[in-house]
Amino acid sequence: MRRLLLPFALAASLLASSVVAKPFIFANQGDIRSMDPYALNEALTTNVLGNIYEPLVQRGRDLGLEPGLALSWEAIAPTVWRFRLRPNVQFHDGSPFTADDVVFSLQRVKAEGSDFRSTLAIVGEARVVDPLTVDLVTTRPFPILPNLIANWLIMSRRWADAIGAANPVDVRRPGEHPANRQAAGTGPFKLVSRDPGTRTVLEVNPAWWGTPEHNLTRVTFLPIASDATRVAALLSGEIDMMEPVPLQDVARIQANSGFKVLQGPELRTIFLGFDQWRDQLLGASTSGNPLKDRRVRQAIAHAIDVDAIKTRTMRGAAVPTGSMVAPGIVGFDAGLNDRPAYDLERARTLLREAGVAGGFEMGMNCPNDRYVNDEQICQAVAAMLARIGIRVRLQLDTRAIFFQKLYAREVTSFLFGWTPAALDSHNVLHAILSTPGEGGRGQFNLGRWSNARVDELAVLAGSELDLAKRQALISEAFTLHRDDLGHLPLHQQTLAWGMKASVQLVQRADNFLFLRWVRVE
């Protein structure tokens, strides 16, 4: 009887507020890779799944922390955080949400095959206090734990066991896995159907614990790789919203009555990475690996005109940076944001000093459907490096193929983008700048740059409670990385979402679209 009444309750609520419930269709240039929330640490996948699954602690419209599946949290000891869980919450399969699901989710997210091991590596265990209270125990004092887990989506032990998905499977492994096309979270929307590469359909969860601020009924997500097709679908009215808007089409969409483009800064930093561990570059006729030499990496930095990329390639929709984190990320140091000047003569001098005056050949892997104008950025970089004799073999792939090669470290140089988990610099220090090791350390240090002092600083910054001392540790680590050019930051891209004028939504700087705030008038 309760199941029969819930849809009527939803309809009555919408009627009472004089709001007509609407369907909503939105598109992106890429597709989500799996319905398993631990299979791929990639923003688009995590974002879409964040409407189905929920974290203990979530972020609000202004990115501030808010209660999610946990009503409250506190540190009861230097390494113990206690979370009091929200009562009367159900997963989409009808099973109750309890502390045992948090314990299970921690075990699963830290298991082999999870792409989030580095994110939750600091959490040693979860302990059930009672059905609605759980303690997360960290391996050392870690004051930013609530920030860190804001994208950790909680799964149902009962449901995962029932479908044979007790353990996560890396999405890059071949074959079909139980949680790839099924989902059962606690969120405001639940999965209806999943057709990879074509569409994913959600519907409202009438049993959601929260108060809906949307007026949606059914939601359809479409992957549309072609920029022209995506824009045409919007302007023809076939879809309600799309992102990203190709930069060359922003003015065109804005000029059409009935449509608008919402633009704003993003916290993601786009950068280049380099293979610094192989003795011989992959697939290159060049002898040895010149990228191990800091002078060569400096030469590459001096040869890239980021201002030209900003004005020509990005049409002004980028902020050049010398930092691995954006302003707005905790630990950002404005004094470290300057980048090497564009100076071809200096670049050529550095190559001569490194013993490769004639340049060399190297591969570069880039996605063509992941970041704003990613293909064009890499083409521009390749042309710029040619001026100093570095011959780039550019490999452009869809995100699925690109990430498979990247995470297998089958690359020489690559374009990558990162928004730090917890919106804190520690995530970059731990996941990208630390030497790859146990517990997910350096999981995304894909070129294997290594500095023992940075490894030490990453640990210290994670435990330091004094804010001034913590900032000093972070700044020291980023200074060492900058001076050695472990990676080469390019810019922070600007968000551009296109939509019908009738659509109201919240655009956050982390590029997450939450359907619970979408209204179609």
Protein backbone atom coordinates (compact mmCIF):
# COMPACT_ATOMS: atom_id res chain seq x y z
CA MET A 1 0.00 0.00 0.00
CA ARG A 2 2.86 2.39 0.86
CA ARG A 3 4.41 1.80 -2.55
CA LEU A 4 1.09 2.59 -4.21
CA LEU A 5 0.64 5.82 -2.28
CA LEU A 6 4.11 7.27 -2.77
CA PRO A 7 3.67 8.32 -6.44
CA PHE A 8 0.38 10.02 -5.52
CA ALA A 9 2.09 11.82 -2.66
CA LEU A 10 4.71 13.11 -5.08
CA ALA A 11 2.08 14.28 -7.56
CA ALA A 12 0.08 15.95 -4.80
CA SER A 13 3.17 17.77 -3.59
CA LEU A 14 3.89 19.12 -7.06
CA LEU A 15 0.26 20.11 -7.57
CA ALA A 16 0.13 21.89 -4.24
CA SER A 17 3.09 24.06 -5.21
CA SER A 18 1.49 24.86 -8.61
CA VAL A 19 4.50 23.38 -10.39
CA VAL A 20 4.04 21.02 -13.32
CA ALA A 21 6.42 18.08 -13.23
CA LYS A 22 8.63 17.89 -16.31
CA PRO A 23 11.00 15.47 -18.03
CA PHE A 24 14.59 16.60 -18.48
CA ILE A 25 17.10 15.57 -21.15
CA PHE A 26 20.75 16.56 -20.87
CA ALA A 27 23.83 15.69 -22.89
CA ASN A 28 27.58 15.59 -22.53
CA GLN A 29 30.37 15.02 -25.02
CA GLY A 30 31.24 11.74 -23.29
CA ASP A 31 29.46 8.87 -21.61
CA ILE A 32 29.66 7.54 -18.08
CA ARG A 33 31.68 4.34 -18.05
CA SER A 34 29.93 2.26 -15.40
CA MET A 35 27.14 2.42 -12.86
CA ASP A 36 29.58 1.13 -10.24
CA PRO A 37 30.56 4.21 -8.21
CA TYR A 38 34.04 2.83 -7.46
CA ALA A 39 34.95 1.67 -10.97
CA LEU A 40 36.33 4.96 -12.33
CA ASN A 41 37.58 8.07 -10.55
CA GLU A 42 36.40 10.46 -13.23
CA ALA A 43 34.23 13.52 -12.71
CA LEU A 44 31.47 12.88 -15.27
CA THR A 45 30.87 9.33 -14.05
CA THR A 46 30.96 10.37 -10.39
CA ASN A 47 28.64 13.31 -11.09
CA VAL A 48 25.90 11.31 -12.79
CA LEU A 49 26.12 8.57 -10.18
CA GLY A 50 25.96 11.24 -7.47
CA ASN A 51 22.29 11.65 -8.30
CA ILE A 52 21.69 7.94 -7.58
CA TYR A 53 24.11 7.25 -4.73
CA GLU A 54 24.90 9.61 -1.86
CA PRO A 55 27.83 10.36 0.49
CA LEU A 56 27.82 10.70 4.25
CA VAL A 57 28.79 14.36 3.91
CA GLN A 58 27.77 16.32 0.83
CA ARG A 59 28.47 19.74 -0.65
CA GLY A 60 25.83 22.41 -1.07
CA ARG A 61 25.27 25.02 -3.74
CA ASP A 62 28.29 27.02 -2.56
CA LEU A 63 30.46 23.88 -2.13
CA GLY A 64 30.18 24.12 1.66
CA LEU A 65 29.78 20.88 3.63
CA GLU A 66 26.26 19.76 4.53
CA PRO A 67 24.72 16.65 6.11
CA GLY A 68 24.10 13.86 3.65
CA LEU A 69 23.55 10.33 4.86
CA ALA A 70 25.18 11.48 8.09
CA LEU A 71 23.28 14.01 10.18
CA SER A 72 26.38 15.04 12.13
CA TRP A 73 30.06 14.22 12.62
CA GLU A 74 32.79 14.96 15.11
CA ALA A 75 36.35 13.96 15.94
CA ILE A 76 36.15 12.02 19.21
CA ALA A 77 39.88 11.26 19.19
CA PRO A 78 42.85 12.41 17.06
CA THR A 79 42.31 9.49 14.65
CA VAL A 80 38.61 8.70 15.18
CA TRP A 81 35.68 10.48 13.52
CA ARG A 82 32.16 9.58 14.63
CA PHE A 83 29.26 9.88 12.18
CA ARG A 84 25.65 9.78 13.32
CA LEU A 85 23.59 8.47 10.44
CA ARG A 86 20.26 9.62 9.09
CA PRO A 87 17.41 7.33 10.22
CA ASN A 88 14.68 5.83 8.03
CA VAL A 89 16.71 5.93 4.82
CA GLN A 90 16.18 3.20 2.24
CA PHE A 91 18.21 2.08 -0.74
CA HIS A 92 16.34 1.85 -4.03
CA ASP A 93 15.93 -1.92 -3.59
CA GLY A 94 14.07 -1.30 -0.32
CA SER A 95 16.85 -2.35 2.04
CA PRO A 96 17.49 -0.05 5.02
CA PHE A 97 20.63 2.09 5.22
CA THR A 98 22.69 1.31 8.33
CA ALA A 99 26.20 1.61 9.68
CA ASP A 100 26.97 -1.82 8.25
CA ASP A 101 26.62 -0.37 4.74
CA VAL A 102 29.26 2.23 5.59
CA VAL A 103 31.62 -0.52 6.78
CA PHE A 104 30.96 -2.48 3.60
CA SER A 105 31.45 0.59 1.40
CA LEU A 106 34.82 1.32 3.00
CA GLN A 107 35.98 -2.24 2.50
CA ARG A 108 34.82 -2.16 -1.10
CA VAL A 109 36.28 1.26 -1.99
CA LYS A 110 39.68 0.18 -0.61
CA ALA A 111 39.65 -3.19 -2.39
CA GLU A 112 41.66 -4.17 -5.43
CA GLY A 113 39.78 -2.98 -8.50
CA SER A 114 38.56 0.25 -6.90
CA ASP A 115 39.68 3.43 -8.63
CA PHE A 116 39.23 5.40 -5.38
CA ARG A 117 41.77 3.57 -3.24
CA SER A 118 44.07 6.59 -3.04
CA THR A 119 41.19 8.86 -1.99
CA LEU A 120 40.23 6.75 1.04
CA ALA A 121 43.68 5.38 1.81
CA ILE A 122 43.93 7.44 5.01
CA VAL A 123 40.91 5.61 6.51
CA GLY A 124 42.13 2.40 8.11
CA GLU A 125 38.79 0.96 9.17
CA ALA A 126 35.14 1.63 9.92
CA ARG A 127 33.59 0.45 13.17
CA VAL A 128 29.90 -0.01 13.89
CA VAL A 129 28.91 1.67 17.15
CA ASP A 130 25.20 0.99 16.68
CA PRO A 131 22.98 0.69 13.60
CA LEU A 132 22.97 4.47 13.11
CA THR A 133 26.44 5.35 14.37
CA VAL A 134 29.77 4.54 12.75
CA ASP A 135 33.37 5.50 13.50
CA LEU A 136 35.93 6.06 10.75
CA VAL A 137 39.44 5.44 12.05
CA THR A 138 42.30 7.12 10.22
CA THR A 139 45.86 5.86 10.15
CA ARG A 140 47.05 9.23 11.50
CA PRO A 141 45.38 12.49 12.53
CA PHE A 142 43.58 13.82 9.48
CA PRO A 143 41.61 17.03 10.10
CA ILE A 144 40.09 17.28 6.61
CA LEU A 145 38.39 13.87 6.61
CA PRO A 146 34.81 15.24 6.28
CA ASN A 147 35.92 17.22 3.21
CA LEU A 148 37.65 14.19 1.77
CA ILE A 149 34.61 11.91 1.79
CA ALA A 150 32.15 14.33 0.18
CA ASN A 151 32.32 12.32 -3.09
CA TRP A 152 32.49 8.88 -1.48
CA LEU A 153 29.18 7.29 -2.53
CA ILE A 154 27.73 4.71 -0.15
CA MET A 155 26.55 1.31 -1.42
CA SER A 156 24.24 -1.32 0.02
CA ARG A 157 25.91 -4.49 1.25
CA ARG A 158 22.72 -6.53 0.76
CA TRP A 159 22.18 -5.33 -2.79
CA ALA A 160 25.83 -5.76 -3.85
CA ASP A 161 25.92 -9.27 -2.44
CA ALA A 162 22.63 -10.13 -4.17
CA ILE A 163 23.88 -9.18 -7.63
CA GLY A 164 27.39 -10.61 -7.15
CA ALA A 165 29.13 -7.23 -6.92
CA ALA A 166 30.69 -7.45 -3.46
CA ASN A 167 34.02 -6.44 -4.98
CA PRO A 168 34.60 -3.60 -7.46
CA VAL A 169 36.11 -4.27 -10.87
CA ASP A 170 38.26 -1.68 -12.59
CA VAL A 171 36.25 -0.39 -15.52
CA ARG A 172 39.28 -0.66 -17.78
CA ARG A 173 39.30 -4.45 -17.43
CA PRO A 174 37.54 -6.27 -20.29
CA GLY A 175 34.24 -7.99 -19.81
CA GLU A 176 30.84 -7.19 -18.32
CA HIS A 177 30.50 -6.90 -14.55
CA PRO A 178 27.35 -7.01 -12.38
CA ALA A 179 27.37 -3.37 -11.23
CA ASN A 180 28.14 -1.90 -14.66
CA ARG A 181 24.49 -1.57 -15.67
CA GLN A 182 22.67 -1.78 -12.32
CA ALA A 183 22.45 0.67 -9.45
CA ALA A 184 20.64 0.95 -6.13
CA GLY A 185 21.59 3.98 -4.08
CA THR A 186 19.70 6.16 -1.64
CA GLY A 187 19.59 9.28 -3.82
CA PRO A 188 16.74 11.39 -5.21
CA PHE A 189 16.84 9.58 -8.56
CA LYS A 190 16.99 5.89 -9.38
CA LEU A 191 18.14 4.04 -12.46
CA VAL A 192 15.52 2.89 -14.98
CA SER A 193 17.74 1.75 -17.83
CA ARG A 194 21.32 1.90 -19.01
CA ASP A 195 22.36 1.53 -22.65
CA PRO A 196 26.10 2.32 -22.81
CA GLY A 197 27.00 4.78 -25.54
CA THR A 198 23.34 5.61 -26.16
CA ARG A 199 21.38 6.72 -23.11
CA THR A 200 20.90 6.39 -19.37
CA VAL A 201 17.41 6.93 -17.95
CA LEU A 202 16.55 7.90 -14.37
CA GLU A 203 13.29 8.53 -12.60
CA VAL A 204 12.36 10.24 -9.35
CA ASN A 205 12.79 8.24 -6.16
CA PRO A 206 9.54 8.99 -4.27
CA ALA A 207 10.96 7.46 -1.09
CA TRP A 208 13.95 9.82 -0.94
CA TRP A 209 14.62 11.18 2.54
CA GLY A 210 15.15 14.76 1.34
CA THR A 211 12.79 17.52 0.23
CA PRO A 212 12.85 17.81 -3.59
CA GLU A 213 13.71 21.25 -4.93
CA HIS A 214 13.32 20.10 -8.52
CA ASN A 215 10.19 19.51 -10.56
CA LEU A 216 11.48 16.64 -12.67
CA THR A 217 9.83 13.32 -13.37
CA ARG A 218 12.07 11.42 -15.76
CA VAL A 219 15.67 12.27 -16.64
CA THR A 220 17.55 11.10 -19.71
CA PHE A 221 21.31 11.45 -20.11
CA LEU A 222 22.69 11.30 -23.66
CA PRO A 223 26.34 11.05 -24.72
CA ILE A 224 26.73 13.14 -27.90
CA ALA A 225 30.37 13.24 -28.95
CA SER A 226 30.01 15.58 -31.93
CA ASP A 227 30.06 19.26 -30.95
CA ALA A 228 27.92 20.22 -33.94
CA THR A 229 25.35 17.51 -33.23
CA ARG A 230 25.17 18.44 -29.56
CA VAL A 231 24.56 22.12 -30.34
CA ALA A 232 22.00 21.25 -33.01
CA ALA A 233 20.14 19.01 -30.56
CA LEU A 234 19.89 21.89 -28.10
CA LEU A 235 18.79 24.53 -30.61
CA SER A 236 16.21 22.18 -32.13
CA GLY A 237 14.72 21.56 -28.69
CA GLU A 238 15.56 17.85 -28.62
CA ILE A 239 17.51 18.28 -25.38
CA ASP A 240 17.11 20.70 -22.50
CA MET A 241 20.74 21.18 -21.48
CA MET A 242 24.25 20.31 -22.69
CA GLU A 243 27.84 20.67 -21.64
CA PRO A 244 30.38 21.63 -22.58
CA VAL A 245 29.32 24.24 -25.11
CA PRO A 246 31.97 24.42 -27.84
CA LEU A 247 33.64 27.78 -27.33
CA GLN A 248 33.01 28.80 -30.93
CA ASP A 249 29.25 28.31 -30.39
CA VAL A 250 28.76 30.30 -27.18
CA ALA A 251 27.76 33.52 -28.95
CA ARG A 252 25.54 31.63 -31.39
CA ILE A 253 23.52 30.00 -28.61
CA GLN A 254 23.26 33.23 -26.63
CA ALA A 255 21.95 35.01 -29.73
CA ASN A 256 19.00 32.60 -29.97
CA SER A 257 16.00 33.65 -27.93
CA GLY A 258 14.85 30.85 -25.71
CA PHE A 259 18.38 29.67 -24.95
CA LYS A 260 21.22 30.72 -22.67
CA VAL A 261 24.80 29.83 -21.80
CA LEU A 262 25.89 29.70 -18.17
CA GLN A 263 29.64 30.33 -17.81
CA GLY A 264 31.84 30.28 -14.74
CA PRO A 265 35.27 29.28 -13.43
CA GLU A 266 36.16 25.65 -12.82
CA LEU A 267 38.44 24.30 -10.10
CA ARG A 268 40.03 21.77 -12.47
CA THR A 269 43.66 22.32 -13.51
CA ILE A 270 44.69 21.11 -16.97
CA PHE A 271 48.33 19.99 -17.16
CA LEU A 272 50.87 17.95 -19.10
CA GLY A 273 52.55 14.90 -17.60
CA PHE A 274 55.73 13.13 -18.71
CA ASP A 275 57.17 9.61 -18.48
CA GLN A 276 60.11 10.05 -16.10
CA TRP A 277 60.83 6.44 -15.19
CA ARG A 278 61.45 4.46 -18.38
CA ASP A 279 65.01 4.35 -19.67
CA GLN A 280 63.72 4.24 -23.22
CA LEU A 281 60.74 6.23 -24.49
CA LEU A 282 57.87 4.10 -25.76
CA GLY A 283 57.76 3.67 -29.52
CA ALA A 284 60.32 6.39 -30.24
CA SER A 285 63.42 6.18 -32.42
CA THR A 286 65.11 8.52 -29.93
CA SER A 287 67.72 6.76 -27.84
CA GLY A 288 67.07 6.89 -24.10
CA ASN A 289 64.56 9.07 -22.30
CA PRO A 290 65.33 12.82 -22.50
CA LEU A 291 62.27 13.57 -20.34
CA LYS A 292 64.19 12.39 -17.28
CA ASP A 293 66.37 15.50 -17.63
CA ARG A 294 64.89 18.54 -15.85
CA ARG A 295 66.40 20.83 -18.49
CA VAL A 296 64.35 19.11 -21.17
CA ARG A 297 61.16 19.56 -19.19
CA GLN A 298 62.09 23.21 -18.67
CA ALA A 299 62.65 23.59 -22.40
CA ILE A 300 59.16 22.21 -23.05
CA ALA A 301 57.72 24.70 -20.56
CA HIS A 302 59.48 27.65 -22.24
CA ALA A 303 58.32 26.49 -25.70
CA ILE A 304 54.60 26.48 -24.86
CA ASP A 305 52.84 29.82 -25.27
CA VAL A 306 49.95 29.48 -22.83
CA ASP A 307 48.68 32.97 -23.64
CA ALA A 308 48.26 31.95 -27.27
CA ILE A 309 46.43 28.81 -26.15
CA LYS A 310 44.18 30.99 -24.01
CA THR A 311 43.33 33.52 -26.72
CA ARG A 312 43.29 31.33 -29.85
CA THR A 313 42.54 27.78 -28.77
CA MET A 314 40.39 28.52 -25.72
CA ARG A 315 38.89 31.81 -27.00
CA GLY A 316 39.59 33.43 -23.67
CA ALA A 317 37.88 30.68 -21.64
CA ALA A 318 40.96 29.70 -19.65
CA VAL A 319 43.13 31.10 -16.87
CA PRO A 320 46.84 30.31 -17.42
CA THR A 321 48.47 28.88 -14.30
CA GLY A 322 51.78 27.80 -12.89
CA SER A 323 50.15 25.91 -10.04
CA MET A 324 48.78 22.38 -9.82
CA VAL A 325 45.76 23.68 -7.90
CA ALA A 326 43.34 26.48 -8.65
CA PRO A 327 42.46 29.50 -6.53
CA GLY A 328 39.64 28.29 -4.30
CA ILE A 329 41.45 25.05 -3.44
CA VAL A 330 42.72 24.97 0.14
CA GLY A 331 46.51 25.30 0.04
CA PHE A 332 46.69 27.39 -3.14
CA ASP A 333 49.70 29.73 -2.95
CA ALA A 334 49.45 32.77 -5.22
CA GLY A 335 53.21 33.23 -4.94
CA LEU A 336 53.69 29.95 -6.81
CA ASN A 337 51.29 30.69 -9.65
CA ASP A 338 53.80 32.24 -12.05
CA ARG A 339 54.84 29.98 -14.87
CA PRO A 340 57.96 29.82 -17.09
CA ALA A 341 58.01 32.61 -19.69
CA TYR A 342 57.49 31.80 -23.34
CA ASP A 343 61.06 31.91 -24.64
CA LEU A 344 62.08 29.78 -27.62
CA GLU A 345 65.76 30.76 -27.43
CA ARG A 346 65.92 29.74 -23.79
CA ALA A 347 64.20 26.47 -24.70
CA ARG A 348 66.75 25.71 -27.43
CA THR A 349 69.63 26.56 -25.08
CA LEU A 350 68.29 24.14 -22.48
CA LEU A 351 68.03 21.36 -25.07
CA ARG A 352 71.67 21.97 -26.09
CA GLU A 353 72.76 21.83 -22.46
CA ALA A 354 70.87 18.55 -22.07
CA GLY A 355 72.65 17.05 -25.06
CA VAL A 356 69.65 16.95 -27.41
CA ALA A 357 70.28 20.08 -29.46
CA GLY A 358 68.61 18.50 -32.48
CA GLY A 359 65.48 17.74 -30.54
CA PHE A 360 63.94 14.31 -30.25
CA GLU A 361 60.80 12.30 -30.96
CA MET A 362 58.14 11.53 -28.36
CA GLY A 363 54.54 10.39 -28.16
CA MET A 364 51.72 12.46 -26.71
CA ASN A 365 48.35 10.98 -25.74
CA CYS A 366 45.29 13.19 -25.43
CA PRO A 367 41.53 12.72 -25.18
CA ASN A 368 39.28 14.33 -27.76
CA ASP A 369 36.07 14.30 -25.70
CA ARG A 370 37.03 14.94 -22.09
CA TYR A 371 38.24 18.51 -21.47
CA VAL A 372 37.31 21.80 -23.14
CA ASN A 373 39.04 21.85 -26.56
CA ASP A 374 41.37 19.06 -25.46
CA GLU A 375 42.19 17.95 -29.00
CA GLN A 376 42.95 21.51 -30.10
CA ILE A 377 45.15 22.13 -27.04
CA CYS A 378 47.31 19.12 -27.85
CA GLN A 379 47.55 20.05 -31.51
CA ALA A 380 48.69 23.54 -30.49
CA VAL A 381 51.26 22.14 -28.03
CA ALA A 382 52.62 19.74 -30.67
CA ALA A 383 53.06 22.60 -33.14
CA MET A 384 54.82 24.74 -30.53
CA LEU A 385 57.23 21.97 -29.56
CA ALA A 386 58.09 21.42 -33.22
CA ARG A 387 59.68 24.90 -33.21
CA ILE A 388 62.41 23.63 -30.88
CA GLY A 389 62.88 20.31 -32.65
CA ILE A 390 60.68 18.10 -30.48
CA ARG A 391 58.72 15.92 -32.89
CA VAL A 392 55.42 14.90 -31.30
CA ARG A 393 53.55 11.79 -32.38
CA LEU A 394 50.09 12.88 -31.34
CA GLN A 395 47.58 10.16 -30.43
CA LEU A 396 43.99 11.39 -29.99
CA ASP A 397 41.45 8.98 -28.51
CA THR A 398 38.00 8.93 -27.00
CA ARG A 399 38.04 9.14 -23.22
CA ALA A 400 37.53 5.38 -22.79
CA ILE A 401 40.58 4.43 -24.85
CA PHE A 402 42.63 7.36 -23.55
CA PHE A 403 42.13 6.55 -19.89
CA GLN A 404 42.79 2.87 -20.48
CA LYS A 405 46.21 3.70 -21.95
CA LEU A 406 46.90 6.41 -19.39
CA TYR A 407 46.18 4.33 -16.30
CA ALA A 408 48.18 1.45 -17.74
CA ARG A 409 51.04 3.99 -18.07
CA GLU A 410 51.38 3.17 -21.76
CA VAL A 411 52.11 6.82 -22.54
CA THR A 412 55.11 9.12 -22.90
CA SER A 413 53.49 12.52 -22.44
CA PHE A 414 49.83 13.24 -21.87
CA LEU A 415 47.15 15.86 -21.20
CA PHE A 416 45.30 15.44 -17.93
CA GLY A 417 42.90 17.43 -15.74
CA TRP A 418 42.30 17.23 -11.99
CA THR A 419 39.95 18.74 -9.43
CA PRO A 420 41.23 17.76 -5.98
CA ALA A 421 39.02 15.59 -3.80
CA ALA A 422 38.09 17.51 -0.63
CA LEU A 423 38.91 20.68 -2.61
CA ASP A 424 42.19 20.53 -0.72
CA SER A 425 45.79 20.46 -1.97
CA HIS A 426 46.57 17.34 0.05
CA ASN A 427 44.76 15.26 -2.55
CA VAL A 428 47.12 16.44 -5.29
CA LEU A 429 50.16 15.89 -3.07
CA HIS A 430 49.05 12.37 -2.19
CA ALA A 431 47.51 11.13 -5.45
CA ILE A 432 49.53 12.91 -8.16
CA LEU A 433 52.85 14.14 -6.73
CA SER A 434 53.74 11.31 -4.34
CA THR A 435 55.86 8.38 -5.45
CA PRO A 436 53.55 5.46 -6.31
CA GLY A 437 53.32 3.04 -3.40
CA GLU A 438 51.01 1.26 -1.01
CA GLY A 439 47.58 2.48 0.04
CA GLY A 440 46.89 4.29 -3.21
CA ARG A 441 49.79 6.70 -2.76
CA GLY A 442 50.68 8.21 -6.13
CA GLN A 443 47.87 6.29 -7.83
CA PHE A 444 47.56 9.04 -10.45
CA ASN A 445 51.25 9.92 -10.63
CA LEU A 446 51.21 8.46 -14.11
CA GLY A 447 54.67 9.63 -15.19
CA ARG A 448 56.20 8.45 -11.88
CA TRP A 449 57.93 11.71 -10.97
CA SER A 450 59.49 11.18 -7.55
CA ASN A 451 60.85 13.34 -4.75
CA ALA A 452 61.41 11.89 -1.28
CA ARG A 453 60.89 15.23 0.47
CA VAL A 454 57.55 15.76 -1.29
CA ASP A 455 56.50 12.27 -0.17
CA GLU A 456 57.31 13.29 3.40
CA LEU A 457 55.55 16.65 3.11
CA ALA A 458 52.38 15.02 1.75
CA VAL A 459 52.14 12.92 4.92
CA LEU A 460 52.90 15.86 7.22
CA ALA A 461 50.38 18.17 5.50
CA GLY A 462 47.67 15.58 5.93
CA SER A 463 48.11 15.50 9.71
CA GLU A 464 49.02 19.08 10.61
CA LEU A 465 46.31 20.89 12.60
CA ASP A 466 47.94 24.33 12.68
CA LEU A 467 46.74 26.10 9.51
CA ALA A 468 49.81 28.30 9.07
CA LYS A 469 52.19 25.36 9.51
CA ARG A 470 50.07 23.27 7.18
CA GLN A 471 50.20 25.93 4.47
CA ALA A 472 53.98 26.11 4.82
CA LEU A 473 54.25 22.36 4.28
CA ILE A 474 52.01 22.47 1.21
CA SER A 475 53.87 25.45 -0.27
CA GLU A 476 57.23 23.75 0.25
CA ALA A 477 56.00 20.65 -1.58
CA PHE A 478 54.60 22.64 -4.50
CA THR A 479 57.84 24.69 -4.69
CA LEU A 480 59.93 21.53 -5.01
CA HIS A 481 57.59 20.19 -7.66
CA ARG A 482 57.56 23.46 -9.61
CA ASP A 483 61.35 23.83 -9.53
CA ASP A 484 61.79 20.30 -10.88
CA LEU A 485 58.86 20.61 -13.31
CA GLY A 486 57.41 17.28 -12.29
CA HIS A 487 54.32 18.20 -14.30
CA LEU A 488 53.55 21.24 -16.44
CA PRO A 489 50.34 23.12 -15.49
CA LEU A 490 48.65 24.91 -18.39
CA HIS A 491 45.40 26.51 -17.23
CA GLN A 492 42.11 26.24 -15.42
CA GLN A 493 39.33 25.90 -17.98
CA THR A 494 36.06 27.82 -17.85
CA LEU A 495 32.72 26.05 -17.67
CA ALA A 496 30.16 26.64 -20.39
CA TRP A 497 26.75 25.00 -20.07
CA GLY A 498 24.06 25.59 -22.69
CA MET A 499 20.37 25.23 -21.94
CA LYS A 500 16.86 26.33 -22.72
CA ALA A 501 15.89 29.60 -21.06
CA SER A 502 13.22 27.68 -19.16
CA VAL A 503 15.83 25.62 -17.29
CA GLN A 504 16.98 26.72 -13.86
CA LEU A 505 19.93 24.93 -12.25
CA VAL A 506 23.04 25.38 -10.12
CA GLN A 507 26.45 25.52 -11.79
CA ARG A 508 29.16 24.71 -9.26
CA ALA A 509 32.86 25.28 -9.82
CA ASP A 510 33.50 21.53 -9.48
CA ASN A 511 31.45 20.99 -12.69
CA PHE A 512 28.90 18.77 -10.97
CA LEU A 513 25.28 18.98 -12.07
CA PHE A 514 22.89 17.86 -9.36
CA LEU A 515 19.40 17.12 -10.60
CA ARG A 516 17.84 17.85 -7.24
CA TRP A 517 18.29 21.56 -8.02
CA VAL A 518 17.01 21.48 -11.62
CA ARG A 519 13.68 23.06 -12.52
CA VAL A 520 12.07 23.29 -15.93
CA GLU A 521 9.48 26.06 -16.11
